[in-house]
């Protein structure tokens, strides 16, 4: 599909490579942001965390977690976690790029790894970690229709974005917010080359500079 190839080309322009390898040592984590073409539309695959988890139970997120000593890099972490959480084999993922990492509220340096998966993928969620798997059209994250933004209490990212999504397949309502929403907005803006209808703290044509300043500001205090 031509638009898939165009999406990959758009995202690869923002691949960070080893740009942040010199940052001070921080506990690391990665998330896999799976892009999927569903019924001809570009979508994101997302999960709902189990209510049994100790941290962030019942929240929407992308597959991911902390770096394991056996992981070679951020990509390995994201792919391993995706396989453990939703049964997605690394061989089923076409890794496209790594985007700029963000320090989350727990002090983890979280790197988003973007990859394409096939529409035929059938999730096998681990019930101990994931209670639901669903897809959201990518352009949903550039529309102001179901979006609310408030000033972040921490002030680190400027705005706290929040979306309310009703899955047409299941009728379930999902609240997508925080770092997950920020990653979704970032990927949508870069992949679609589209400026969101609402205010964002980064320049969609040059997002790296903003996130780089945030990173250096936070890590300079370590």
N, C-alpha and C. Protein backbone atom coordinates (compact mmCIF):
# COMPACT_ATOMS: atom_id res chain seq x y z
N UNK A 1 0.84 -1.20 0.00
CA UNK A 1 0.00 0.00 0.00
C UNK A 1 0.87 1.25 0.00
N UNK A 2 0.54 2.15 -0.89
CA UNK A 2 1.39 3.33 -1.01
C UNK A 2 1.35 4.19 0.25
N UNK A 3 0.16 4.34 0.86
CA UNK A 3 0.10 5.22 2.02
C UNK A 3 0.86 4.63 3.21
N UNK A 4 0.96 3.29 3.27
CA UNK A 4 1.77 2.67 4.32
C UNK A 4 3.23 3.03 4.13
N UNK A 5 3.71 2.95 2.90
CA UNK A 5 5.09 3.30 2.61
C UNK A 5 5.35 4.78 2.88
N UNK A 6 4.38 5.62 2.57
CA UNK A 6 4.52 7.05 2.86
C UNK A 6 4.58 7.30 4.36
N UNK A 7 3.77 6.57 5.12
CA UNK A 7 3.78 6.69 6.58
C UNK A 7 5.13 6.29 7.15
N UNK A 8 5.67 5.19 6.66
CA UNK A 8 6.98 4.73 7.12
C UNK A 8 8.05 5.78 6.82
N UNK A 9 8.00 6.34 5.60
CA UNK A 9 8.98 7.36 5.22
C UNK A 9 8.85 8.59 6.11
N UNK A 10 7.63 8.99 6.42
CA UNK A 10 7.41 10.16 7.29
C UNK A 10 8.01 9.93 8.67
N UNK A 11 7.78 8.75 9.24
CA UNK A 11 8.23 8.47 10.59
C UNK A 11 9.75 8.30 10.67
N UNK A 12 10.33 7.69 9.64
CA UNK A 12 11.77 7.45 9.67
C UNK A 12 12.58 8.75 9.74
N UNK A 13 11.99 9.85 9.31
CA UNK A 13 12.68 11.13 9.38
C UNK A 13 12.97 11.53 10.83
N UNK A 14 12.21 10.97 11.77
CA UNK A 14 12.33 11.37 13.16
C UNK A 14 12.94 10.28 14.05
N UNK A 15 13.53 9.26 13.40
CA UNK A 15 14.18 8.19 14.16
C UNK A 15 15.39 8.76 14.91
N UNK A 16 15.44 8.53 16.22
CA UNK A 16 16.50 9.14 17.03
C UNK A 16 17.81 8.37 16.99
N UNK A 17 17.77 7.10 16.56
CA UNK A 17 18.99 6.32 16.55
C UNK A 17 19.62 6.28 17.93
N UNK A 18 20.90 6.64 18.04
CA UNK A 18 21.60 6.66 19.33
C UNK A 18 21.82 8.08 19.83
N UNK A 19 20.96 8.99 19.40
CA UNK A 19 21.13 10.41 19.70
C UNK A 19 21.22 10.70 21.20
N UNK A 20 20.52 9.90 22.02
CA UNK A 20 20.47 10.19 23.45
C UNK A 20 21.28 9.19 24.28
N UNK A 21 22.22 8.52 23.64
CA UNK A 21 23.03 7.53 24.34
C UNK A 21 23.90 8.16 25.43
N UNK A 22 24.20 9.46 25.32
CA UNK A 22 25.07 10.11 26.29
C UNK A 22 24.33 10.66 27.49
N UNK A 23 23.03 10.48 27.57
CA UNK A 23 22.27 10.97 28.72
C UNK A 23 22.73 10.26 29.99
N UNK A 24 22.63 10.92 31.14
CA UNK A 24 22.97 10.24 32.40
C UNK A 24 22.14 8.97 32.55
N UNK A 25 22.70 8.02 33.29
CA UNK A 25 22.03 6.74 33.45
C UNK A 25 20.70 6.94 34.19
N UNK A 26 19.63 6.46 33.58
CA UNK A 26 18.30 6.50 34.17
C UNK A 26 17.67 5.12 34.01
N UNK A 27 16.77 4.74 34.91
CA UNK A 27 16.04 3.50 34.67
C UNK A 27 15.24 3.63 33.37
N UNK A 28 15.33 2.63 32.52
CA UNK A 28 14.76 2.73 31.18
C UNK A 28 13.54 1.83 31.00
N UNK A 29 12.67 2.26 30.11
CA UNK A 29 11.51 1.49 29.71
C UNK A 29 11.23 1.79 28.25
N UNK A 30 10.44 0.93 27.62
CA UNK A 30 10.05 1.14 26.22
C UNK A 30 8.60 0.74 26.05
N UNK A 31 7.95 1.38 25.09
CA UNK A 31 6.62 0.94 24.68
C UNK A 31 6.64 0.69 23.19
N UNK A 32 5.86 -0.29 22.75
CA UNK A 32 5.67 -0.52 21.33
C UNK A 32 4.40 0.20 20.91
N UNK A 33 4.51 1.05 19.91
CA UNK A 33 3.33 1.73 19.37
C UNK A 33 2.99 1.05 18.05
N UNK A 34 2.05 0.10 18.09
CA UNK A 34 1.75 -0.70 16.90
C UNK A 34 0.78 0.01 15.96
N UNK A 35 1.22 0.24 14.74
CA UNK A 35 0.36 0.76 13.68
C UNK A 35 -0.21 -0.41 12.91
N UNK A 36 -1.50 -0.33 12.57
CA UNK A 36 -2.16 -1.40 11.86
C UNK A 36 -3.14 -0.81 10.85
N UNK A 37 -3.17 -1.35 9.66
CA UNK A 37 -4.14 -0.90 8.65
C UNK A 37 -5.38 -1.76 8.82
N UNK A 38 -6.48 -1.15 9.26
CA UNK A 38 -7.72 -1.87 9.52
C UNK A 38 -8.84 -1.32 8.64
N UNK A 39 -9.38 -2.18 7.81
CA UNK A 39 -10.45 -1.75 6.88
C UNK A 39 -10.02 -0.53 6.06
N UNK A 40 -8.74 -0.52 5.66
CA UNK A 40 -8.23 0.55 4.81
C UNK A 40 -7.83 1.81 5.55
N UNK A 41 -7.98 1.83 6.89
CA UNK A 41 -7.63 3.02 7.67
C UNK A 41 -6.45 2.73 8.58
N UNK A 42 -5.61 3.73 8.76
CA UNK A 42 -4.45 3.60 9.62
C UNK A 42 -4.89 3.76 11.08
N UNK A 43 -4.54 2.76 11.91
CA UNK A 43 -4.99 2.75 13.30
C UNK A 43 -3.83 2.46 14.24
N UNK A 44 -4.06 2.74 15.53
CA UNK A 44 -3.15 2.34 16.59
C UNK A 44 -3.79 1.21 17.37
N UNK A 45 -2.99 0.22 17.73
CA UNK A 45 -3.45 -0.85 18.61
C UNK A 45 -3.08 -0.48 20.04
N UNK A 46 -4.07 -0.52 20.94
CA UNK A 46 -3.86 -0.11 22.32
C UNK A 46 -4.38 -1.18 23.27
N UNK A 47 -3.99 -1.10 24.53
CA UNK A 47 -4.43 -2.09 25.51
C UNK A 47 -5.01 -1.41 26.74
N UNK A 48 -5.80 -2.17 27.48
CA UNK A 48 -6.31 -1.72 28.77
C UNK A 48 -5.65 -2.57 29.83
N UNK A 49 -4.97 -1.91 30.77
CA UNK A 49 -4.25 -2.63 31.81
C UNK A 49 -5.23 -3.34 32.75
N UNK A 50 -4.81 -4.50 33.23
CA UNK A 50 -5.63 -5.27 34.16
C UNK A 50 -5.85 -4.49 35.46
N UNK A 51 -7.02 -4.68 36.06
CA UNK A 51 -7.33 -4.06 37.34
C UNK A 51 -6.51 -4.69 38.47
N UNK A 52 -5.88 -5.83 38.19
CA UNK A 52 -5.10 -6.52 39.22
C UNK A 52 -3.67 -5.99 39.35
N UNK A 53 -3.25 -5.15 38.42
CA UNK A 53 -1.89 -4.63 38.47
C UNK A 53 -1.74 -3.60 39.58
N UNK A 54 -0.54 -3.54 40.16
CA UNK A 54 -0.30 -2.61 41.26
C UNK A 54 -0.14 -1.18 40.78
N UNK A 55 0.41 -1.00 39.58
CA UNK A 55 0.60 0.34 39.05
C UNK A 55 -0.35 0.61 37.89
N UNK A 56 -0.99 1.74 37.92
CA UNK A 56 -1.89 2.21 36.85
C UNK A 56 -2.91 1.16 36.41
N UNK A 57 -3.61 0.51 37.36
CA UNK A 57 -4.62 -0.49 36.96
C UNK A 57 -5.76 0.15 36.19
N UNK A 58 -6.24 -0.56 35.17
CA UNK A 58 -7.39 -0.09 34.41
C UNK A 58 -7.13 1.08 33.49
N UNK A 59 -5.86 1.42 33.25
CA UNK A 59 -5.55 2.54 32.36
C UNK A 59 -5.22 2.04 30.96
N UNK A 60 -5.50 2.88 29.97
CA UNK A 60 -5.15 2.58 28.58
C UNK A 60 -3.66 2.84 28.38
N UNK A 61 -3.01 1.96 27.67
CA UNK A 61 -1.57 2.17 27.42
C UNK A 61 -1.18 1.41 26.15
N UNK A 62 0.08 1.53 25.80
CA UNK A 62 0.67 0.71 24.74
C UNK A 62 1.42 -0.43 25.41
N UNK A 63 1.61 -1.55 24.71
CA UNK A 63 2.41 -2.63 25.29
C UNK A 63 3.81 -2.12 25.62
N UNK A 64 4.29 -2.48 26.79
CA UNK A 64 5.63 -2.01 27.15
C UNK A 64 5.93 -2.22 28.62
N UNK A 65 7.14 -1.85 28.99
CA UNK A 65 7.57 -2.01 30.37
C UNK A 65 9.03 -1.68 30.55
N UNK A 66 9.55 -2.03 31.72
CA UNK A 66 10.93 -1.70 32.08
C UNK A 66 11.93 -2.56 31.31
N UNK A 67 13.11 -1.99 31.13
CA UNK A 67 14.22 -2.71 30.48
C UNK A 67 14.63 -3.90 31.34
N UNK A 68 14.82 -5.04 30.71
CA UNK A 68 15.29 -6.25 31.37
C UNK A 68 16.78 -6.40 31.07
N UNK A 69 17.56 -6.96 32.01
CA UNK A 69 19.00 -7.15 31.74
C UNK A 69 19.28 -7.94 30.47
N UNK A 70 18.34 -8.77 30.05
CA UNK A 70 18.56 -9.57 28.84
C UNK A 70 18.27 -8.80 27.56
N UNK A 71 17.68 -7.61 27.68
CA UNK A 71 17.35 -6.82 26.50
C UNK A 71 18.59 -6.11 25.96
N UNK A 72 18.78 -6.20 24.64
CA UNK A 72 19.93 -5.55 24.03
C UNK A 72 19.76 -4.05 23.88
N UNK A 73 18.52 -3.60 23.65
CA UNK A 73 18.27 -2.18 23.47
C UNK A 73 16.78 -1.89 23.68
N UNK A 74 16.38 -0.65 23.37
CA UNK A 74 14.99 -0.24 23.57
C UNK A 74 14.01 -1.04 22.71
N UNK A 75 14.44 -1.38 21.51
CA UNK A 75 13.57 -2.15 20.61
C UNK A 75 13.32 -3.54 21.20
N UNK A 76 14.37 -4.18 21.72
CA UNK A 76 14.22 -5.50 22.33
C UNK A 76 13.21 -5.46 23.48
N UNK A 77 13.30 -4.41 24.29
CA UNK A 77 12.38 -4.27 25.42
C UNK A 77 10.94 -4.18 24.95
N UNK A 78 10.70 -3.31 23.98
CA UNK A 78 9.33 -3.11 23.48
C UNK A 78 8.77 -4.39 22.87
N UNK A 79 9.57 -5.10 22.08
CA UNK A 79 9.09 -6.32 21.43
C UNK A 79 8.86 -7.44 22.44
N UNK A 80 9.75 -7.56 23.41
CA UNK A 80 9.58 -8.60 24.44
C UNK A 80 8.30 -8.37 25.24
N UNK A 81 8.09 -7.12 25.65
CA UNK A 81 6.90 -6.80 26.44
C UNK A 81 5.62 -7.03 25.64
N UNK A 82 5.64 -6.69 24.34
CA UNK A 82 4.46 -6.89 23.51
C UNK A 82 4.13 -8.37 23.37
N UNK A 83 5.16 -9.19 23.27
CA UNK A 83 4.92 -10.63 23.17
C UNK A 83 4.35 -11.16 24.49
N UNK A 84 4.90 -10.69 25.61
CA UNK A 84 4.42 -11.15 26.91
C UNK A 84 2.99 -10.69 27.20
N UNK A 85 2.64 -9.48 26.76
CA UNK A 85 1.36 -8.90 27.12
C UNK A 85 0.22 -9.31 26.18
N UNK A 86 0.49 -9.32 24.86
CA UNK A 86 -0.62 -9.58 23.92
C UNK A 86 -0.31 -10.68 22.91
N UNK A 87 0.78 -11.43 23.11
CA UNK A 87 1.10 -12.54 22.22
C UNK A 87 1.56 -12.14 20.85
N UNK A 88 2.14 -10.93 20.74
CA UNK A 88 2.64 -10.44 19.45
C UNK A 88 4.10 -10.86 19.29
N UNK A 89 4.36 -11.77 18.36
CA UNK A 89 5.73 -12.23 18.14
C UNK A 89 6.57 -11.12 17.52
N UNK A 90 7.83 -10.98 17.94
CA UNK A 90 8.72 -9.97 17.33
C UNK A 90 8.80 -10.10 15.81
N UNK A 91 8.67 -11.34 15.32
CA UNK A 91 8.73 -11.56 13.86
C UNK A 91 7.53 -10.96 13.14
N UNK A 92 6.48 -10.64 13.88
CA UNK A 92 5.27 -10.07 13.28
C UNK A 92 5.29 -8.55 13.26
N UNK A 93 6.38 -7.95 13.72
CA UNK A 93 6.46 -6.50 13.81
C UNK A 93 7.50 -5.97 12.82
N UNK A 94 7.09 -5.03 11.99
CA UNK A 94 8.02 -4.31 11.12
C UNK A 94 8.40 -3.03 11.84
N UNK A 95 9.53 -3.05 12.53
CA UNK A 95 9.96 -1.88 13.30
C UNK A 95 10.30 -0.74 12.35
N UNK A 96 9.74 0.43 12.63
CA UNK A 96 9.94 1.60 11.77
C UNK A 96 10.96 2.56 12.35
N UNK A 97 10.79 2.90 13.64
CA UNK A 97 11.68 3.91 14.23
C UNK A 97 11.54 3.94 15.74
N UNK A 98 12.51 4.60 16.37
CA UNK A 98 12.42 4.97 17.78
C UNK A 98 12.27 6.49 17.82
N UNK A 99 11.31 6.96 18.59
CA UNK A 99 11.12 8.40 18.74
C UNK A 99 11.75 8.86 20.05
N UNK A 100 11.80 10.17 20.22
CA UNK A 100 12.49 10.74 21.36
C UNK A 100 11.87 10.24 22.67
N UNK A 101 12.71 9.83 23.63
CA UNK A 101 12.19 9.33 24.91
C UNK A 101 11.67 10.46 25.79
N UNK A 102 10.76 10.10 26.69
CA UNK A 102 10.19 11.05 27.63
C UNK A 102 10.31 10.46 29.04
N UNK A 103 10.65 11.30 30.01
CA UNK A 103 10.71 10.86 31.40
C UNK A 103 9.29 10.89 31.98
N UNK A 104 8.82 9.74 32.46
CA UNK A 104 7.45 9.70 32.98
C UNK A 104 7.40 10.12 34.45
N UNK A 105 6.21 10.09 35.03
CA UNK A 105 6.02 10.58 36.39
C UNK A 105 6.78 9.75 37.43
N UNK A 106 7.15 8.52 37.05
CA UNK A 106 7.90 7.66 37.97
C UNK A 106 9.41 7.79 37.81
N UNK A 107 9.84 8.65 36.88
CA UNK A 107 11.28 8.83 36.66
C UNK A 107 11.89 7.87 35.68
N UNK A 108 11.06 7.10 34.97
CA UNK A 108 11.57 6.19 33.95
C UNK A 108 11.77 6.93 32.63
N UNK A 109 12.84 6.61 31.93
CA UNK A 109 13.08 7.16 30.60
C UNK A 109 12.40 6.23 29.60
N UNK A 110 11.25 6.66 29.07
CA UNK A 110 10.41 5.79 28.24
C UNK A 110 10.62 6.12 26.76
N UNK A 111 11.07 5.12 26.00
CA UNK A 111 11.29 5.30 24.57
C UNK A 111 10.16 4.66 23.78
N UNK A 112 9.48 5.42 22.91
CA UNK A 112 8.46 4.83 22.05
C UNK A 112 9.08 4.21 20.80
N UNK A 113 8.75 2.96 20.56
CA UNK A 113 9.20 2.23 19.38
C UNK A 113 7.99 2.03 18.48
N UNK A 114 8.04 2.55 17.27
CA UNK A 114 6.90 2.47 16.36
C UNK A 114 7.11 1.33 15.37
N UNK A 115 6.07 0.53 15.19
CA UNK A 115 6.18 -0.57 14.24
C UNK A 115 4.85 -0.91 13.61
N UNK A 116 4.88 -1.47 12.41
CA UNK A 116 3.66 -1.91 11.73
C UNK A 116 3.40 -3.39 12.03
N UNK A 117 2.12 -3.72 12.23
CA UNK A 117 1.73 -5.12 12.35
C UNK A 117 0.62 -5.40 11.33
N UNK A 118 0.42 -6.67 11.02
CA UNK A 118 -0.56 -7.04 10.01
C UNK A 118 -1.99 -6.99 10.56
N UNK A 119 -2.93 -6.69 9.68
CA UNK A 119 -4.34 -6.64 10.08
C UNK A 119 -4.82 -8.00 10.58
N UNK A 120 -4.19 -9.06 10.13
CA UNK A 120 -4.60 -10.41 10.51
C UNK A 120 -4.18 -10.78 11.94
N UNK A 121 -3.38 -9.94 12.59
CA UNK A 121 -2.92 -10.26 13.94
C UNK A 121 -4.10 -10.44 14.89
N UNK A 122 -4.09 -11.55 15.63
CA UNK A 122 -5.14 -11.84 16.61
C UNK A 122 -4.54 -11.80 18.00
N UNK A 123 -4.83 -10.76 18.79
CA UNK A 123 -4.22 -10.62 20.12
C UNK A 123 -4.57 -11.80 21.03
N UNK A 124 -3.60 -12.18 21.85
CA UNK A 124 -3.80 -13.18 22.89
C UNK A 124 -3.37 -12.55 24.22
N UNK A 125 -4.22 -11.67 24.77
CA UNK A 125 -3.82 -10.91 25.96
C UNK A 125 -3.55 -11.79 27.17
N UNK A 126 -2.49 -11.45 27.89
CA UNK A 126 -2.18 -12.10 29.16
C UNK A 126 -3.11 -11.50 30.21
N UNK A 127 -4.05 -12.26 30.76
CA UNK A 127 -5.06 -11.70 31.67
C UNK A 127 -4.46 -11.09 32.94
N UNK A 128 -3.26 -11.49 33.30
CA UNK A 128 -2.63 -10.92 34.49
C UNK A 128 -2.19 -9.47 34.25
N UNK A 129 -2.05 -9.10 32.96
CA UNK A 129 -1.56 -7.76 32.63
C UNK A 129 -2.53 -6.94 31.79
N UNK A 130 -3.30 -7.59 30.94
CA UNK A 130 -4.13 -6.88 29.96
C UNK A 130 -5.57 -7.40 30.01
N UNK A 131 -6.52 -6.47 30.11
CA UNK A 131 -7.92 -6.88 30.15
C UNK A 131 -8.64 -6.64 28.82
N UNK A 132 -8.06 -5.84 27.92
CA UNK A 132 -8.68 -5.60 26.61
C UNK A 132 -7.64 -5.10 25.62
N UNK A 133 -7.87 -5.41 24.35
CA UNK A 133 -7.04 -4.91 23.24
C UNK A 133 -7.99 -4.33 22.21
N UNK A 134 -7.69 -3.14 21.72
CA UNK A 134 -8.59 -2.48 20.77
C UNK A 134 -7.79 -1.58 19.85
N UNK A 135 -8.42 -1.10 18.79
CA UNK A 135 -7.75 -0.21 17.85
C UNK A 135 -8.48 1.13 17.77
N UNK A 136 -7.71 2.17 17.51
CA UNK A 136 -8.23 3.53 17.40
C UNK A 136 -7.70 4.14 16.10
N UNK A 137 -8.56 4.74 15.28
CA UNK A 137 -8.06 5.40 14.07
C UNK A 137 -7.00 6.44 14.42
N UNK A 138 -5.91 6.45 13.68
CA UNK A 138 -4.81 7.34 14.01
C UNK A 138 -5.22 8.81 13.98
N UNK A 139 -6.07 9.18 13.01
CA UNK A 139 -6.45 10.59 12.91
C UNK A 139 -7.36 11.05 14.06
N UNK A 140 -7.85 10.11 14.87
CA UNK A 140 -8.62 10.46 16.07
C UNK A 140 -7.79 11.35 16.99
N UNK A 141 -6.46 11.14 16.96
CA UNK A 141 -5.57 11.86 17.87
C UNK A 141 -5.10 13.21 17.32
N UNK A 142 -5.69 13.63 16.21
CA UNK A 142 -5.43 14.99 15.73
C UNK A 142 -6.72 15.82 15.73
N UNK A 143 -7.83 15.19 16.12
CA UNK A 143 -9.13 15.87 16.12
C UNK A 143 -9.46 16.40 17.51
N UNK A 144 -10.10 17.55 17.56
CA UNK A 144 -10.48 18.15 18.85
C UNK A 144 -11.85 17.68 19.33
N UNK A 145 -12.52 16.83 18.53
CA UNK A 145 -13.91 16.48 18.82
C UNK A 145 -14.07 15.79 20.17
N UNK A 146 -13.20 14.83 20.48
CA UNK A 146 -13.30 14.06 21.72
C UNK A 146 -12.10 14.31 22.63
N UNK A 147 -11.57 15.51 22.54
CA UNK A 147 -10.32 15.86 23.23
C UNK A 147 -10.53 16.94 24.27
N UNK A 148 -9.83 16.79 25.40
CA UNK A 148 -9.80 17.81 26.45
C UNK A 148 -8.35 17.98 26.87
N UNK A 149 -7.95 19.22 27.15
CA UNK A 149 -6.59 19.47 27.63
C UNK A 149 -6.64 20.36 28.86
N UNK A 150 -5.81 20.04 29.83
CA UNK A 150 -5.68 20.86 31.03
C UNK A 150 -4.20 21.08 31.28
N UNK A 151 -3.88 22.09 32.07
CA UNK A 151 -2.48 22.33 32.40
C UNK A 151 -1.98 21.24 33.33
N UNK A 152 -0.82 20.70 33.02
CA UNK A 152 -0.24 19.65 33.83
C UNK A 152 0.15 20.20 35.19
N UNK A 153 -0.22 19.44 36.23
CA UNK A 153 0.12 19.87 37.59
C UNK A 153 1.64 19.91 37.78
N UNK A 154 2.30 18.93 37.15
CA UNK A 154 3.76 18.89 37.29
C UNK A 154 4.43 19.97 36.46
N UNK A 155 3.77 20.37 35.39
CA UNK A 155 4.31 21.44 34.55
C UNK A 155 5.40 21.01 33.61
N UNK A 156 5.75 19.72 33.62
CA UNK A 156 6.88 19.28 32.80
C UNK A 156 6.55 19.25 31.31
N UNK A 157 5.32 18.81 30.98
CA UNK A 157 4.95 18.68 29.58
C UNK A 157 4.01 19.80 29.14
N UNK A 158 3.69 20.73 30.01
CA UNK A 158 2.86 21.86 29.64
C UNK A 158 1.37 21.57 29.69
N UNK A 159 0.91 20.54 28.95
CA UNK A 159 -0.50 20.22 28.89
C UNK A 159 -0.72 18.73 29.15
N UNK A 160 -1.85 18.43 29.78
CA UNK A 160 -2.26 17.05 29.98
C UNK A 160 -3.42 16.78 29.02
N UNK A 161 -3.18 15.92 28.04
CA UNK A 161 -4.19 15.64 27.01
C UNK A 161 -5.03 14.42 27.40
N UNK A 162 -6.30 14.49 27.04
CA UNK A 162 -7.23 13.43 27.39
C UNK A 162 -8.22 13.22 26.25
N UNK A 163 -8.46 11.96 25.89
CA UNK A 163 -9.40 11.60 24.83
C UNK A 163 -10.42 10.59 25.37
N UNK A 164 -11.63 10.68 24.84
CA UNK A 164 -12.67 9.71 25.17
C UNK A 164 -13.07 9.01 23.88
N UNK A 165 -12.86 7.70 23.86
CA UNK A 165 -13.07 6.91 22.64
C UNK A 165 -14.07 5.78 22.90
N UNK A 166 -15.05 5.63 22.03
CA UNK A 166 -15.99 4.52 22.09
C UNK A 166 -15.66 3.55 20.96
N UNK A 167 -15.29 2.34 21.32
CA UNK A 167 -14.92 1.33 20.32
C UNK A 167 -16.18 0.86 19.59
N UNK A 168 -16.25 1.09 18.28
CA UNK A 168 -17.46 0.68 17.54
C UNK A 168 -17.66 -0.83 17.50
N UNK A 169 -16.58 -1.59 17.70
CA UNK A 169 -16.69 -3.05 17.65
C UNK A 169 -17.31 -3.62 18.93
N UNK A 170 -16.95 -3.05 20.07
CA UNK A 170 -17.41 -3.60 21.36
C UNK A 170 -18.38 -2.70 22.10
N UNK A 171 -18.41 -1.41 21.71
CA UNK A 171 -19.23 -0.45 22.45
C UNK A 171 -18.59 0.03 23.73
N UNK A 172 -17.39 -0.45 24.03
CA UNK A 172 -16.71 -0.06 25.26
C UNK A 172 -16.16 1.36 25.17
N UNK A 173 -16.17 2.04 26.30
CA UNK A 173 -15.66 3.41 26.38
C UNK A 173 -14.27 3.39 26.99
N UNK A 174 -13.34 4.10 26.38
CA UNK A 174 -11.97 4.15 26.88
C UNK A 174 -11.53 5.59 27.09
N UNK A 175 -10.85 5.81 28.21
CA UNK A 175 -10.27 7.11 28.52
C UNK A 175 -8.77 7.02 28.26
N UNK A 176 -8.28 7.79 27.31
CA UNK A 176 -6.87 7.74 26.90
C UNK A 176 -6.24 9.07 27.30
N UNK A 177 -5.25 9.03 28.18
CA UNK A 177 -4.71 10.29 28.70
C UNK A 177 -3.24 10.13 29.06
N UNK A 178 -2.67 11.23 29.54
CA UNK A 178 -1.29 11.21 30.04
C UNK A 178 -0.26 10.94 28.97
N UNK A 179 0.77 10.19 29.37
CA UNK A 179 1.88 9.90 28.46
C UNK A 179 1.41 9.10 27.24
N UNK A 180 0.46 8.20 27.44
CA UNK A 180 -0.07 7.42 26.32
C UNK A 180 -0.70 8.33 25.27
N UNK A 181 -1.48 9.30 25.74
CA UNK A 181 -2.11 10.25 24.81
C UNK A 181 -1.05 11.09 24.10
N UNK A 182 -0.02 11.51 24.83
CA UNK A 182 1.03 12.32 24.22
C UNK A 182 1.76 11.54 23.13
N UNK A 183 2.08 10.27 23.39
CA UNK A 183 2.72 9.46 22.37
C UNK A 183 1.81 9.28 21.15
N UNK A 184 0.52 9.07 21.39
CA UNK A 184 -0.43 8.89 20.29
C UNK A 184 -0.53 10.15 19.43
N UNK A 185 -0.58 11.31 20.08
CA UNK A 185 -0.62 12.59 19.36
C UNK A 185 0.65 12.77 18.53
N UNK A 186 1.79 12.48 19.14
CA UNK A 186 3.07 12.64 18.46
C UNK A 186 3.15 11.76 17.22
N UNK A 187 2.80 10.48 17.36
CA UNK A 187 2.87 9.57 16.22
C UNK A 187 1.87 9.99 15.13
N UNK A 188 0.67 10.39 15.54
CA UNK A 188 -0.33 10.82 14.55
C UNK A 188 0.15 12.04 13.78
N UNK A 189 0.70 13.02 14.49
CA UNK A 189 1.16 14.25 13.84
C UNK A 189 2.30 13.96 12.85
N UNK A 190 3.22 13.09 13.25
CA UNK A 190 4.38 12.80 12.39
C UNK A 190 4.01 11.87 11.24
N UNK A 191 3.22 10.84 11.53
CA UNK A 191 2.88 9.86 10.49
C UNK A 191 1.96 10.46 9.44
N UNK A 192 1.01 11.28 9.87
CA UNK A 192 0.05 11.85 8.94
C UNK A 192 0.48 13.21 8.39
N UNK A 193 1.58 13.73 8.95
CA UNK A 193 2.06 15.07 8.59
C UNK A 193 0.92 16.08 8.74
N UNK A 194 0.30 16.02 9.92
CA UNK A 194 -0.89 16.83 10.17
C UNK A 194 -0.76 17.55 11.51
N UNK A 195 -1.05 18.84 11.53
CA UNK A 195 -1.05 19.59 12.77
C UNK A 195 -2.35 19.33 13.52
N UNK A 196 -2.30 18.92 14.78
CA UNK A 196 -3.54 18.68 15.53
C UNK A 196 -4.41 19.93 15.58
N UNK A 197 -5.72 19.71 15.73
CA UNK A 197 -6.67 20.81 15.78
C UNK A 197 -6.62 21.55 17.12
N UNK A 198 -5.91 20.99 18.08
CA UNK A 198 -5.77 21.60 19.40
C UNK A 198 -4.31 21.99 19.61
N UNK A 199 -4.07 22.80 20.63
CA UNK A 199 -2.71 23.25 20.90
C UNK A 199 -1.86 22.12 21.46
N UNK A 200 -0.64 22.02 20.97
CA UNK A 200 0.33 21.07 21.51
C UNK A 200 1.62 21.84 21.81
N UNK A 201 2.42 21.28 22.70
CA UNK A 201 3.62 21.99 23.15
C UNK A 201 4.78 21.86 22.17
N UNK A 202 4.67 20.92 21.22
CA UNK A 202 5.77 20.71 20.29
C UNK A 202 5.38 21.16 18.89
N UNK A 203 6.39 21.44 18.09
CA UNK A 203 6.19 21.79 16.69
C UNK A 203 6.10 20.49 15.89
N UNK A 204 4.94 20.19 15.26
CA UNK A 204 4.81 18.94 14.50
C UNK A 204 5.84 18.77 13.39
N UNK A 205 6.43 19.87 12.94
CA UNK A 205 7.45 19.78 11.91
C UNK A 205 8.85 19.57 12.50
N UNK A 206 8.99 19.87 13.79
CA UNK A 206 10.28 19.72 14.46
C UNK A 206 10.05 19.40 15.94
N UNK A 207 9.50 18.21 16.23
CA UNK A 207 9.17 17.88 17.61
C UNK A 207 10.39 17.62 18.48
N UNK A 208 11.49 17.22 17.84
CA UNK A 208 12.66 16.80 18.60
C UNK A 208 13.19 17.90 19.49
N UNK A 209 13.20 19.13 19.00
CA UNK A 209 13.81 20.21 19.76
C UNK A 209 13.13 20.43 21.11
N UNK A 210 11.78 20.37 21.13
CA UNK A 210 11.07 20.58 22.39
C UNK A 210 11.37 19.46 23.37
N UNK A 211 11.21 18.21 22.94
CA UNK A 211 11.42 17.08 23.85
C UNK A 211 12.87 16.97 24.28
N UNK A 212 13.78 17.39 23.42
CA UNK A 212 15.19 17.38 23.77
C UNK A 212 15.46 18.39 24.89
N UNK A 213 14.83 19.56 24.81
CA UNK A 213 15.00 20.55 25.87
C UNK A 213 14.46 20.04 27.20
N UNK A 214 13.30 19.38 27.16
CA UNK A 214 12.71 18.81 28.37
C UNK A 214 13.64 17.77 28.98
N UNK A 215 14.17 16.89 28.13
CA UNK A 215 15.07 15.86 28.61
C UNK A 215 16.31 16.44 29.27
N UNK A 216 16.93 17.39 28.59
CA UNK A 216 18.17 17.96 29.11
C UNK A 216 17.91 18.76 30.39
N UNK A 217 16.74 19.40 30.48
CA UNK A 217 16.39 20.14 31.69
C UNK A 217 16.24 19.19 32.87
N UNK A 218 15.58 18.04 32.62
CA UNK A 218 15.35 17.09 33.70
C UNK A 218 16.64 16.37 34.09
N UNK A 219 17.42 15.95 33.08
CA UNK A 219 18.62 15.17 33.40
C UNK A 219 19.76 16.03 33.93
N UNK A 220 19.75 17.32 33.67
CA UNK A 220 20.80 18.18 34.19
C UNK A 220 20.76 18.31 35.71
N UNK A 221 19.62 17.92 36.29
CA UNK A 221 19.47 17.99 37.74
C UNK A 221 19.93 16.72 38.43
N UNK A 222 20.28 15.70 37.62
CA UNK A 222 20.68 14.42 38.20
C UNK A 222 22.15 14.42 38.61
